[in-house]
Amino acid sequence: TGRARQYQRVFPNLITDWRKAWGTGDFPFYF
């Protein structure tokens, strides 16, 4: 919460990176 602005980048990056690492496309990500 103290770095909420940064979270606008790092959270989508986490999702994108995990999808890339598994290599199975855009699997569902519910939060």
PDB file of all heavy atoms in Angstrom:
ATOM      1  N   THR A   1       0.810  -1.220   0.000  1.00  0.00           N
ATOM      2  CA  THR A   1       0.000   0.000   0.000  1.00  0.00           C
ATOM      3  C   THR A   1       0.842   1.268   0.000  1.00  0.00           C
ATOM      4  O   THR A   1       0.442   2.275  -0.582  1.00  0.00           O
ATOM      5  CB  THR A   1      -0.953   0.026   1.200  1.00  0.00           C
ATOM      6  OG1 THR A   1      -0.219  -0.206   2.412  1.00  0.00           O
ATOM      7  CG2 THR A   1      -2.022  -1.046   1.051  1.00  0.00           C
ATOM      8  N   GLY A   2       2.015   1.232   0.618  1.00  0.00           N
ATOM      9  CA  GLY A   2       2.884   2.407   0.599  1.00  0.00           C
ATOM     10  C   GLY A   2       3.519   2.665  -0.752  1.00  0.00           C
ATOM     11  O   GLY A   2       4.106   3.733  -0.974  1.00  0.00           O
ATOM     12  N   ARG A   3       3.398   1.690  -1.676  1.00  0.00           N
ATOM     13  CA  ARG A   3       3.949   1.825  -3.024  1.00  0.00           C
ATOM     14  C   ARG A   3       2.875   1.487  -4.055  1.00  0.00           C
ATOM     15  O   ARG A   3       3.112   0.776  -5.028  1.00  0.00           O
ATOM     16  CB  ARG A   3       5.155   0.894  -3.188  1.00  0.00           C
ATOM     17  CG  ARG A   3       6.328   1.231  -2.277  1.00  0.00           C
ATOM     18  CD  ARG A   3       7.405   0.173  -2.303  1.00  0.00           C
ATOM     19  NE  ARG A   3       7.008  -1.015  -1.554  1.00  0.00           N
ATOM     20  CZ  ARG A   3       7.095  -2.253  -2.022  1.00  0.00           C
ATOM     21  NH1 ARG A   3       7.514  -2.483  -3.248  1.00  0.00           N
ATOM     22  NH2 ARG A   3       6.739  -3.279  -1.277  1.00  0.00           N
ATOM     23  N   ALA A   4       1.668   2.031  -3.820  1.00  0.00           N
ATOM     24  CA  ALA A   4       0.524   1.674  -4.670  1.00  0.00           C
ATOM     25  C   ALA A   4       0.740   2.078  -6.120  1.00  0.00           C
ATOM     26  O   ALA A   4       0.335   1.358  -7.040  1.00  0.00           O
ATOM     27  CB  ALA A   4      -0.742   2.334  -4.127  1.00  0.00           C
ATOM     28  N   ARG A   5       1.361   3.214  -6.343  1.00  0.00           N
ATOM     29  CA  ARG A   5       1.630   3.639  -7.722  1.00  0.00           C
ATOM     30  C   ARG A   5       2.512   2.618  -8.434  1.00  0.00           C
ATOM     31  O   ARG A   5       2.278   2.268  -9.595  1.00  0.00           O
ATOM     32  CB  ARG A   5       2.299   5.016  -7.716  1.00  0.00           C
ATOM     33  CG  ARG A   5       2.649   5.560  -9.083  1.00  0.00           C
ATOM     34  CD  ARG A   5       1.424   6.097  -9.793  1.00  0.00           C
ATOM     35  NE  ARG A   5       1.770   6.745 -11.043  1.00  0.00           N
ATOM     36  CZ  ARG A   5       0.917   7.452 -11.777  1.00  0.00           C
ATOM     37  NH1 ARG A   5      -0.325   7.607 -11.360  1.00  0.00           N
ATOM     38  NH2 ARG A   5       1.289   8.002 -12.907  1.00  0.00           N
ATOM     39  N   GLN A   6       3.520   2.117  -7.727  1.00  0.00           N
ATOM     40  CA  GLN A   6       4.399   1.107  -8.298  1.00  0.00           C
ATOM     41  C   GLN A   6       3.632  -0.167  -8.621  1.00  0.00           C
ATOM     42  O   GLN A   6       3.929  -0.862  -9.591  1.00  0.00           O
ATOM     43  CB  GLN A   6       5.528   0.797  -7.310  1.00  0.00           C
ATOM     44  CG  GLN A   6       6.536  -0.229  -7.783  1.00  0.00           C
ATOM     45  CD  GLN A   6       7.437  -0.695  -6.658  1.00  0.00           C
ATOM     46  OE1 GLN A   6       6.983  -1.293  -5.689  1.00  0.00           O
ATOM     47  NE2 GLN A   6       8.732  -0.410  -6.780  1.00  0.00           N
ATOM     48  N   TYR A   7       2.620  -0.483  -7.812  1.00  0.00           N
ATOM     49  CA  TYR A   7       1.826  -1.694  -8.000  1.00  0.00           C
ATOM     50  C   TYR A   7       1.097  -1.691  -9.341  1.00  0.00           C
ATOM     51  O   TYR A   7       0.772  -2.753  -9.871  1.00  0.00           O
ATOM     52  CB  TYR A   7       0.819  -1.821  -6.863  1.00  0.00           C
ATOM     53  CG  TYR A   7       0.384  -3.239  -6.539  1.00  0.00           C
ATOM     54  CD1 TYR A   7       1.234  -4.113  -5.864  1.00  0.00           C
ATOM     55  CD2 TYR A   7      -0.884  -3.695  -6.878  1.00  0.00           C
ATOM     56  CE1 TYR A   7       0.830  -5.406  -5.541  1.00  0.00           C
ATOM     57  CE2 TYR A   7      -1.292  -4.983  -6.553  1.00  0.00           C
ATOM     58  CZ  TYR A   7      -0.431  -5.839  -5.895  1.00  0.00           C
ATOM     59  OH  TYR A   7      -0.835  -7.115  -5.581  1.00  0.00           O
ATOM     60  N   GLN A   8       0.851  -0.496  -9.889  1.00  0.00           N
ATOM     61  CA  GLN A   8       0.243  -0.420 -11.213  1.00  0.00           C
ATOM     62  C   GLN A   8       1.117  -1.091 -12.265  1.00  0.00           C
ATOM     63  O   GLN A   8       0.616  -1.549 -13.296  1.00  0.00           O
ATOM     64  CB  GLN A   8       0.009   1.044 -11.602  1.00  0.00           C
ATOM     65  CG  GLN A   8      -1.008   1.767 -10.742  1.00  0.00           C
ATOM     66  CD  GLN A   8      -1.204   3.209 -11.178  1.00  0.00           C
ATOM     67  OE1 GLN A   8      -0.795   3.608 -12.281  1.00  0.00           O
ATOM     68  NE2 GLN A   8      -1.816   4.010 -10.335  1.00  0.00           N
ATOM     69  N   ARG A   9       2.423  -1.175 -12.006  1.00  0.00           N
ATOM     70  CA  ARG A   9       3.344  -1.826 -12.938  1.00  0.00           C
ATOM     71  C   ARG A   9       3.676  -3.254 -12.511  1.00  0.00           C
ATOM     72  O   ARG A   9       3.642  -4.172 -13.317  1.00  0.00           O
ATOM     73  CB  ARG A   9       4.646  -1.025 -13.062  1.00  0.00           C
ATOM     74  CG  ARG A   9       4.484   0.408 -13.496  1.00  0.00           C
ATOM     75  CD  ARG A   9       5.831   1.027 -13.860  1.00  0.00           C
ATOM     76  NE  ARG A   9       6.853   0.804 -12.845  1.00  0.00           N
ATOM     77  CZ  ARG A   9       7.028   1.560 -11.763  1.00  0.00           C
ATOM     78  NH1 ARG A   9       6.241   2.605 -11.551  1.00  0.00           N
ATOM     79  NH2 ARG A   9       7.993   1.305 -10.888  1.00  0.00           N
ATOM     80  N   VAL A  10       4.000  -3.418 -11.212  1.00  0.00           N
ATOM     81  CA  VAL A  10       4.550  -4.708 -10.808  1.00  0.00           C
ATOM     82  C   VAL A  10       3.502  -5.817 -10.792  1.00  0.00           C
ATOM     83  O   VAL A  10       3.827  -6.986 -11.066  1.00  0.00           O
ATOM     84  CB  VAL A  10       5.249  -4.607  -9.428  1.00  0.00           C
ATOM     85  CG1 VAL A  10       6.427  -3.650  -9.494  1.00  0.00           C
ATOM     86  CG2 VAL A  10       4.277  -4.199  -8.333  1.00  0.00           C
ATOM     87  N   PHE A  11       2.254  -5.497 -10.476  1.00  0.00           N
ATOM     88  CA  PHE A  11       1.240  -6.554 -10.456  1.00  0.00           C
ATOM     89  C   PHE A  11       0.940  -7.075 -11.866  1.00  0.00           C
ATOM     90  O   PHE A  11       0.975  -8.300 -12.093  1.00  0.00           O
ATOM     91  CB  PHE A  11      -0.023  -6.055  -9.755  1.00  0.00           C
ATOM     92  CG  PHE A  11      -1.057  -7.129  -9.519  1.00  0.00           C
ATOM     93  CD1 PHE A  11      -0.681  -8.428  -9.223  1.00  0.00           C
ATOM     94  CD2 PHE A  11      -2.412  -6.838  -9.577  1.00  0.00           C
ATOM     95  CE1 PHE A  11      -1.637  -9.419  -8.992  1.00  0.00           C
ATOM     96  CE2 PHE A  11      -3.370  -7.816  -9.359  1.00  0.00           C
ATOM     97  CZ  PHE A  11      -2.981  -9.107  -9.071  1.00  0.00           C
ATOM     98  N   PRO A  12       0.672  -6.211 -12.851  1.00  0.00           N
ATOM     99  CA  PRO A  12       0.515  -6.744 -14.214  1.00  0.00           C
ATOM    100  C   PRO A  12       1.773  -7.457 -14.715  1.00  0.00           C
ATOM    101  O   PRO A  12       1.672  -8.462 -15.440  1.00  0.00           O
ATOM    102  CB  PRO A  12       0.207  -5.498 -15.052  1.00  0.00           C
ATOM    103  CG  PRO A  12      -0.337  -4.508 -14.081  1.00  0.00           C
ATOM    104  CD  PRO A  12       0.387  -4.761 -12.796  1.00  0.00           C
ATOM    105  N   ASN A  13       2.948  -6.948 -14.318  1.00  0.00           N
ATOM    106  CA  ASN A  13       4.186  -7.602 -14.747  1.00  0.00           C
ATOM    107  C   ASN A  13       4.289  -9.009 -14.177  1.00  0.00           C
ATOM    108  O   ASN A  13       4.774  -9.930 -14.848  1.00  0.00           O
ATOM    109  CB  ASN A  13       5.401  -6.780 -14.317  1.00  0.00           C
ATOM    110  CG  ASN A  13       5.592  -5.547 -15.170  1.00  0.00           C
ATOM    111  OD1 ASN A  13       4.955  -5.397 -16.213  1.00  0.00           O
ATOM    112  ND2 ASN A  13       6.453  -4.644 -14.734  1.00  0.00           N
ATOM    113  N   LEU A  14       3.850  -9.182 -12.917  1.00  0.00           N
ATOM    114  CA  LEU A  14       3.875 -10.519 -12.316  1.00  0.00           C
ATOM    115  C   LEU A  14       3.002 -11.478 -13.120  1.00  0.00           C
ATOM    116  O   LEU A  14       3.412 -12.594 -13.443  1.00  0.00           O
ATOM    117  CB  LEU A  14       3.407 -10.443 -10.862  1.00  0.00           C
ATOM    118  CG  LEU A  14       3.338 -11.762 -10.089  1.00  0.00           C
ATOM    119  CD1 LEU A  14       3.730 -11.559  -8.631  1.00  0.00           C
ATOM    120  CD2 LEU A  14       1.927 -12.383 -10.146  1.00  0.00           C
ATOM    121  N   ILE A  15       1.789 -11.040 -13.433  1.00  0.00           N
ATOM    122  CA  ILE A  15       0.863 -11.898 -14.175  1.00  0.00           C
ATOM    123  C   ILE A  15       1.437 -12.250 -15.545  1.00  0.00           C
ATOM    124  O   ILE A  15       1.442 -13.415 -15.970  1.00  0.00           O
ATOM    125  CB  ILE A  15      -0.498 -11.201 -14.325  1.00  0.00           C
ATOM    126  CG1 ILE A  15      -1.135 -10.985 -12.943  1.00  0.00           C
ATOM    127  CG2 ILE A  15      -1.435 -12.009 -15.223  1.00  0.00           C
ATOM    128  CD1 ILE A  15      -2.384 -10.123 -12.974  1.00  0.00           C
ATOM    129  N   THR A  16       1.942 -11.242 -16.238  1.00  0.00           N
ATOM    130  CA  THR A  16       2.510 -11.459 -17.578  1.00  0.00           C
ATOM    131  C   THR A  16       3.717 -12.394 -17.515  1.00  0.00           C
ATOM    132  O   THR A  16       3.885 -13.274 -18.369  1.00  0.00           O
ATOM    133  CB  THR A  16       2.904 -10.112 -18.196  1.00  0.00           C
ATOM    134  OG1 THR A  16       1.748  -9.267 -18.285  1.00  0.00           O
ATOM    135  CG2 THR A  16       3.495 -10.305 -19.586  1.00  0.00           C
ATOM    136  N   ASP A  17       4.554 -12.216 -16.486  1.00  0.00           N
ATOM    137  CA  ASP A  17       5.756 -13.038 -16.360  1.00  0.00           C
ATOM    138  C   ASP A  17       5.399 -14.490 -16.059  1.00  0.00           C
ATOM    139  O   ASP A  17       6.009 -15.416 -16.629  1.00  0.00           O
ATOM    140  CB  ASP A  17       6.647 -12.477 -15.252  1.00  0.00           C
ATOM    141  CG  ASP A  17       7.943 -13.249 -15.107  1.00  0.00           C
ATOM    142  OD1 ASP A  17       8.753 -13.229 -16.049  1.00  0.00           O
ATOM    143  OD2 ASP A  17       8.136 -13.899 -14.060  1.00  0.00           O
ATOM    144  N   TRP A  18       4.434 -14.724 -15.176  1.00  0.00           N
ATOM    145  CA  TRP A  18       4.037 -16.099 -14.884  1.00  0.00           C
ATOM    146  C   TRP A  18       3.466 -16.772 -16.128  1.00  0.00           C
ATOM    147  O   TRP A  18       3.760 -17.938 -16.407  1.00  0.00           O
ATOM    148  CB  TRP A  18       2.993 -16.117 -13.766  1.00  0.00           C
ATOM    149  CG  TRP A  18       3.553 -15.850 -12.394  1.00  0.00           C
ATOM    150  CD1 TRP A  18       4.768 -15.306 -12.085  1.00  0.00           C
ATOM    151  CD2 TRP A  18       2.905 -16.132 -11.153  1.00  0.00           C
ATOM    152  NE1 TRP A  18       4.915 -15.212 -10.727  1.00  0.00           N
ATOM    153  CE2 TRP A  18       3.792 -15.714 -10.122  1.00  0.00           C
ATOM    154  CE3 TRP A  18       1.677 -16.668 -10.809  1.00  0.00           C
ATOM    155  CZ2 TRP A  18       3.471 -15.825  -8.777  1.00  0.00           C
ATOM    156  CZ3 TRP A  18       1.354 -16.787  -9.469  1.00  0.00           C
ATOM    157  CH2 TRP A  18       2.247 -16.373  -8.459  1.00  0.00           C
ATOM    158  N   ARG A  19       2.663 -16.068 -16.880  1.00  0.00           N
ATOM    159  CA  ARG A  19       2.100 -16.647 -18.096  1.00  0.00           C
ATOM    160  C   ARG A  19       3.196 -16.979 -19.105  1.00  0.00           C
ATOM    161  O   ARG A  19       3.163 -18.031 -19.763  1.00  0.00           O
ATOM    162  CB  ARG A  19       1.078 -15.687 -18.703  1.00  0.00           C
ATOM    163  CG  ARG A  19      -0.224 -15.596 -17.891  1.00  0.00           C
ATOM    164  CD  ARG A  19      -1.123 -14.491 -18.379  1.00  0.00           C
ATOM    165  NE  ARG A  19      -2.468 -14.577 -17.790  1.00  0.00           N
ATOM    166  CZ  ARG A  19      -3.419 -13.670 -17.955  1.00  0.00           C
ATOM    167  NH1 ARG A  19      -3.173 -12.591 -18.709  1.00  0.00           N
ATOM    168  NH2 ARG A  19      -4.602 -13.828 -17.397  1.00  0.00           N
ATOM    169  N   LYS A  20       4.182 -16.111 -19.195  1.00  0.00           N
ATOM    170  CA  LYS A  20       5.301 -16.371 -20.102  1.00  0.00           C
ATOM    171  C   LYS A  20       6.107 -17.581 -19.632  1.00  0.00           C
ATOM    172  O   LYS A  20       6.527 -18.423 -20.443  1.00  0.00           O
ATOM    173  CB  LYS A  20       6.195 -15.137 -20.176  1.00  0.00           C
ATOM    174  CG  LYS A  20       7.397 -15.293 -21.080  1.00  0.00           C
ATOM    175  CD  LYS A  20       8.236 -14.015 -21.105  1.00  0.00           C
ATOM    176  CE  LYS A  20       9.469 -14.182 -21.986  1.00  0.00           C
ATOM    177  NZ  LYS A  20      10.299 -12.927 -21.982  1.00  0.00           N
ATOM    178  N   ALA A  21       6.325 -17.681 -18.310  1.00  0.00           N
ATOM    179  CA  ALA A  21       7.133 -18.776 -17.769  1.00  0.00           C
ATOM    180  C   ALA A  21       6.475 -20.124 -18.015  1.00  0.00           C
ATOM    181  O   ALA A  21       7.162 -21.110 -18.334  1.00  0.00           O
ATOM    182  CB  ALA A  21       7.360 -18.564 -16.269  1.00  0.00           C
ATOM    183  N   TRP A  22       5.168 -20.211 -17.884  1.00  0.00           N
ATOM    184  CA  TRP A  22       4.484 -21.491 -18.120  1.00  0.00           C
ATOM    185  C   TRP A  22       4.319 -21.785 -19.610  1.00  0.00           C
ATOM    186  O   TRP A  22       4.227 -22.937 -20.006  1.00  0.00           O
ATOM    187  CB  TRP A  22       3.124 -21.499 -17.422  1.00  0.00           C
ATOM    188  CG  TRP A  22       3.145 -22.269 -16.138  1.00  0.00           C
ATOM    189  CD1 TRP A  22       3.020 -23.620 -15.982  1.00  0.00           C
ATOM    190  CD2 TRP A  22       3.308 -21.755 -14.811  1.00  0.00           C
ATOM    191  NE1 TRP A  22       3.088 -23.980 -14.652  1.00  0.00           N
ATOM    192  CE2 TRP A  22       3.265 -22.846 -13.909  1.00  0.00           C
ATOM    193  CE3 TRP A  22       3.486 -20.475 -14.291  1.00  0.00           C
ATOM    194  CZ2 TRP A  22       3.391 -22.698 -12.526  1.00  0.00           C
ATOM    195  CZ3 TRP A  22       3.603 -20.321 -12.913  1.00  0.00           C
ATOM    196  CH2 TRP A  22       3.565 -21.417 -12.056  1.00  0.00           C
ATOM    197  N   GLY A  23       4.225 -20.725 -20.401  1.00  0.00           N
ATOM    198  CA  GLY A  23       4.172 -20.921 -21.843  1.00  0.00           C
ATOM    199  C   GLY A  23       2.908 -21.573 -22.342  1.00  0.00           C
ATOM    200  O   GLY A  23       2.918 -22.242 -23.385  1.00  0.00           O
ATOM    201  N   THR A  24       1.795 -21.383 -21.603  1.00  0.00           N
ATOM    202  CA  THR A  24       0.533 -22.007 -22.020  1.00  0.00           C
ATOM    203  C   THR A  24      -0.529 -20.961 -22.360  1.00  0.00           C
ATOM    204  O   THR A  24      -1.720 -21.266 -22.377  1.00  0.00           O
ATOM    205  CB  THR A  24      -0.008 -22.922 -20.911  1.00  0.00           C
ATOM    206  OG1 THR A  24      -0.167 -22.156 -19.703  1.00  0.00           O
ATOM    207  CG2 THR A  24       0.946 -24.078 -20.654  1.00  0.00           C
ATOM    208  N   GLY A  25      -0.102 -19.750 -22.638  1.00  0.00           N
ATOM    209  CA  GLY A  25      -1.046 -18.699 -22.988  1.00  0.00           C
ATOM    210  C   GLY A  25      -1.550 -17.927 -21.776  1.00  0.00           C
ATOM    211  O   GLY A  25      -1.014 -18.040 -20.669  1.00  0.00           O
ATOM    212  N   ASP A  26      -2.592 -17.158 -21.992  1.00  0.00           N
ATOM    213  CA  ASP A  26      -3.129 -16.289 -20.942  1.00  0.00           C
ATOM    214  C   ASP A  26      -4.096 -17.065 -20.054  1.00  0.00           C
ATOM    215  O   ASP A  26      -5.326 -16.934 -20.150  1.00  0.00           O
ATOM    216  CB  ASP A  26      -3.840 -15.084 -21.572  1.00  0.00           C
ATOM    217  CG  ASP A  26      -2.877 -14.163 -22.300  1.00  0.00           C
ATOM    218  OD1 ASP A  26      -1.691 -14.151 -21.941  1.00  0.00           O
ATOM    219  OD2 ASP A  26      -3.326 -13.450 -23.226  1.00  0.00           O
ATOM    220  N   PHE A  27      -3.543 -17.892 -19.168  1.00  0.00           N
ATOM    221  CA  PHE A  27      -4.409 -18.660 -18.283  1.00  0.00           C
ATOM    222  C   PHE A  27      -5.149 -17.715 -17.326  1.00  0.00           C
ATOM    223  O   PHE A  27      -4.719 -16.591 -17.077  1.00  0.00           O
ATOM    224  CB  PHE A  27      -3.626 -19.723 -17.512  1.00  0.00           C
ATOM    225  CG  PHE A  27      -2.428 -19.217 -16.748  1.00  0.00           C
ATOM    226  CD1 PHE A  27      -2.572 -18.443 -15.601  1.00  0.00           C
ATOM    227  CD2 PHE A  27      -1.137 -19.543 -17.168  1.00  0.00           C
ATOM    228  CE1 PHE A  27      -1.476 -18.005 -14.887  1.00  0.00           C
ATOM    229  CE2 PHE A  27      -0.032 -19.099 -16.466  1.00  0.00           C
ATOM    230  CZ  PHE A  27      -0.195 -18.323 -15.323  1.00  0.00           C
ATOM    231  N   PRO A  28      -6.291 -18.134 -16.785  1.00  0.00           N
ATOM    232  CA  PRO A  28      -7.091 -17.260 -15.931  1.00  0.00           C
ATOM    233  C   PRO A  28      -6.306 -16.811 -14.699  1.00  0.00           C
ATOM    234  O   PRO A  28      -5.589 -17.601 -14.082  1.00  0.00           O
ATOM    235  CB  PRO A  28      -8.279 -18.140 -15.526  1.00  0.00           C
ATOM    236  CG  PRO A  28      -8.338 -19.213 -16.548  1.00  0.00           C
ATOM    237  CD  PRO A  28      -6.930 -19.451 -16.978  1.00  0.00           C
ATOM    238  N   PHE A  29      -6.473 -15.556 -14.367  1.00  0.00           N
ATOM    239  CA  PHE A  29      -5.842 -15.006 -13.169  1.00  0.00           C
ATOM    240  C   PHE A  29      -6.894 -14.161 -12.451  1.00  0.00           C
ATOM    241  O   PHE A  29      -7.231 -13.066 -12.889  1.00  0.00           O
ATOM    242  CB  PHE A  29      -4.622 -14.147 -13.541  1.00  0.00           C
ATOM    243  CG  PHE A  29      -3.662 -13.921 -12.404  1.00  0.00           C
ATOM    244  CD1 PHE A  29      -2.431 -14.554 -12.382  1.00  0.00           C
ATOM    245  CD2 PHE A  29      -3.979 -13.074 -11.360  1.00  0.00           C
ATOM    246  CE1 PHE A  29      -1.529 -14.356 -11.341  1.00  0.00           C
ATOM    247  CE2 PHE A  29      -3.099 -12.866 -10.307  1.00  0.00           C
ATOM    248  CZ  PHE A  29      -1.868 -13.503 -10.301  1.00  0.00           C
ATOM    249  N   TYR A  30      -7.425 -14.695 -11.350  1.00  0.00           N
ATOM    250  CA  TYR A  30      -8.480 -14.021 -10.598  1.00  0.00           C
ATOM    251  C   TYR A  30      -7.925 -13.575  -9.247  1.00  0.00           C
ATOM    252  O   TYR A  30      -7.266 -14.357  -8.549  1.00  0.00           O
ATOM    253  CB  TYR A  30      -9.678 -14.954 -10.402  1.00  0.00           C
ATOM    254  CG  TYR A  30     -10.258 -15.450 -11.708  1.00  0.00           C
ATOM    255  CD1 TYR A  30     -10.431 -16.811 -11.951  1.00  0.00           C
ATOM    256  CD2 TYR A  30     -10.618 -14.551 -12.708  1.00  0.00           C
ATOM    257  CE1 TYR A  30     -10.960 -17.262 -13.150  1.00  0.00           C
ATOM    258  CE2 TYR A  30     -11.140 -14.993 -13.905  1.00  0.00           C
ATOM    259  CZ  TYR A  30     -11.307 -16.350 -14.132  1.00  0.00           C
ATOM    260  OH  TYR A  30     -11.821 -16.784 -15.326  1.00  0.00           O
ATOM    261  N   PHE A  31      -8.197 -12.342  -8.883  1.00  0.00           N
ATOM    262  CA  PHE A  31      -7.594 -11.795  -7.669  1.00  0.00           C
ATOM    263  C   PHE A  31      -8.630 -11.064  -6.827  1.00  0.00           C
ATOM    264  O   PHE A  31      -9.716 -10.718  -7.292  1.00  0.00           O
ATOM    265  CB  PHE A  31      -6.430 -10.870  -8.015  1.00  0.00           C
ATOM    266  CG  PHE A  31      -6.751  -9.776  -8.989  1.00  0.00           C
ATOM    267  CD1 PHE A  31      -7.181  -8.526  -8.555  1.00  0.00           C
ATOM    268  CD2 PHE A  31      -6.610  -9.979 -10.360  1.00  0.00           C
ATOM    269  CE1 PHE A  31      -7.480  -7.513  -9.448  1.00  0.00           C
ATOM    270  CE2 PHE A  31      -6.903  -8.971 -11.267  1.00  0.00           C
ATOM    271  CZ  PHE A  31      -7.338  -7.734 -10.809  1.00  0.00           C
TER     272      PHE A  31
END
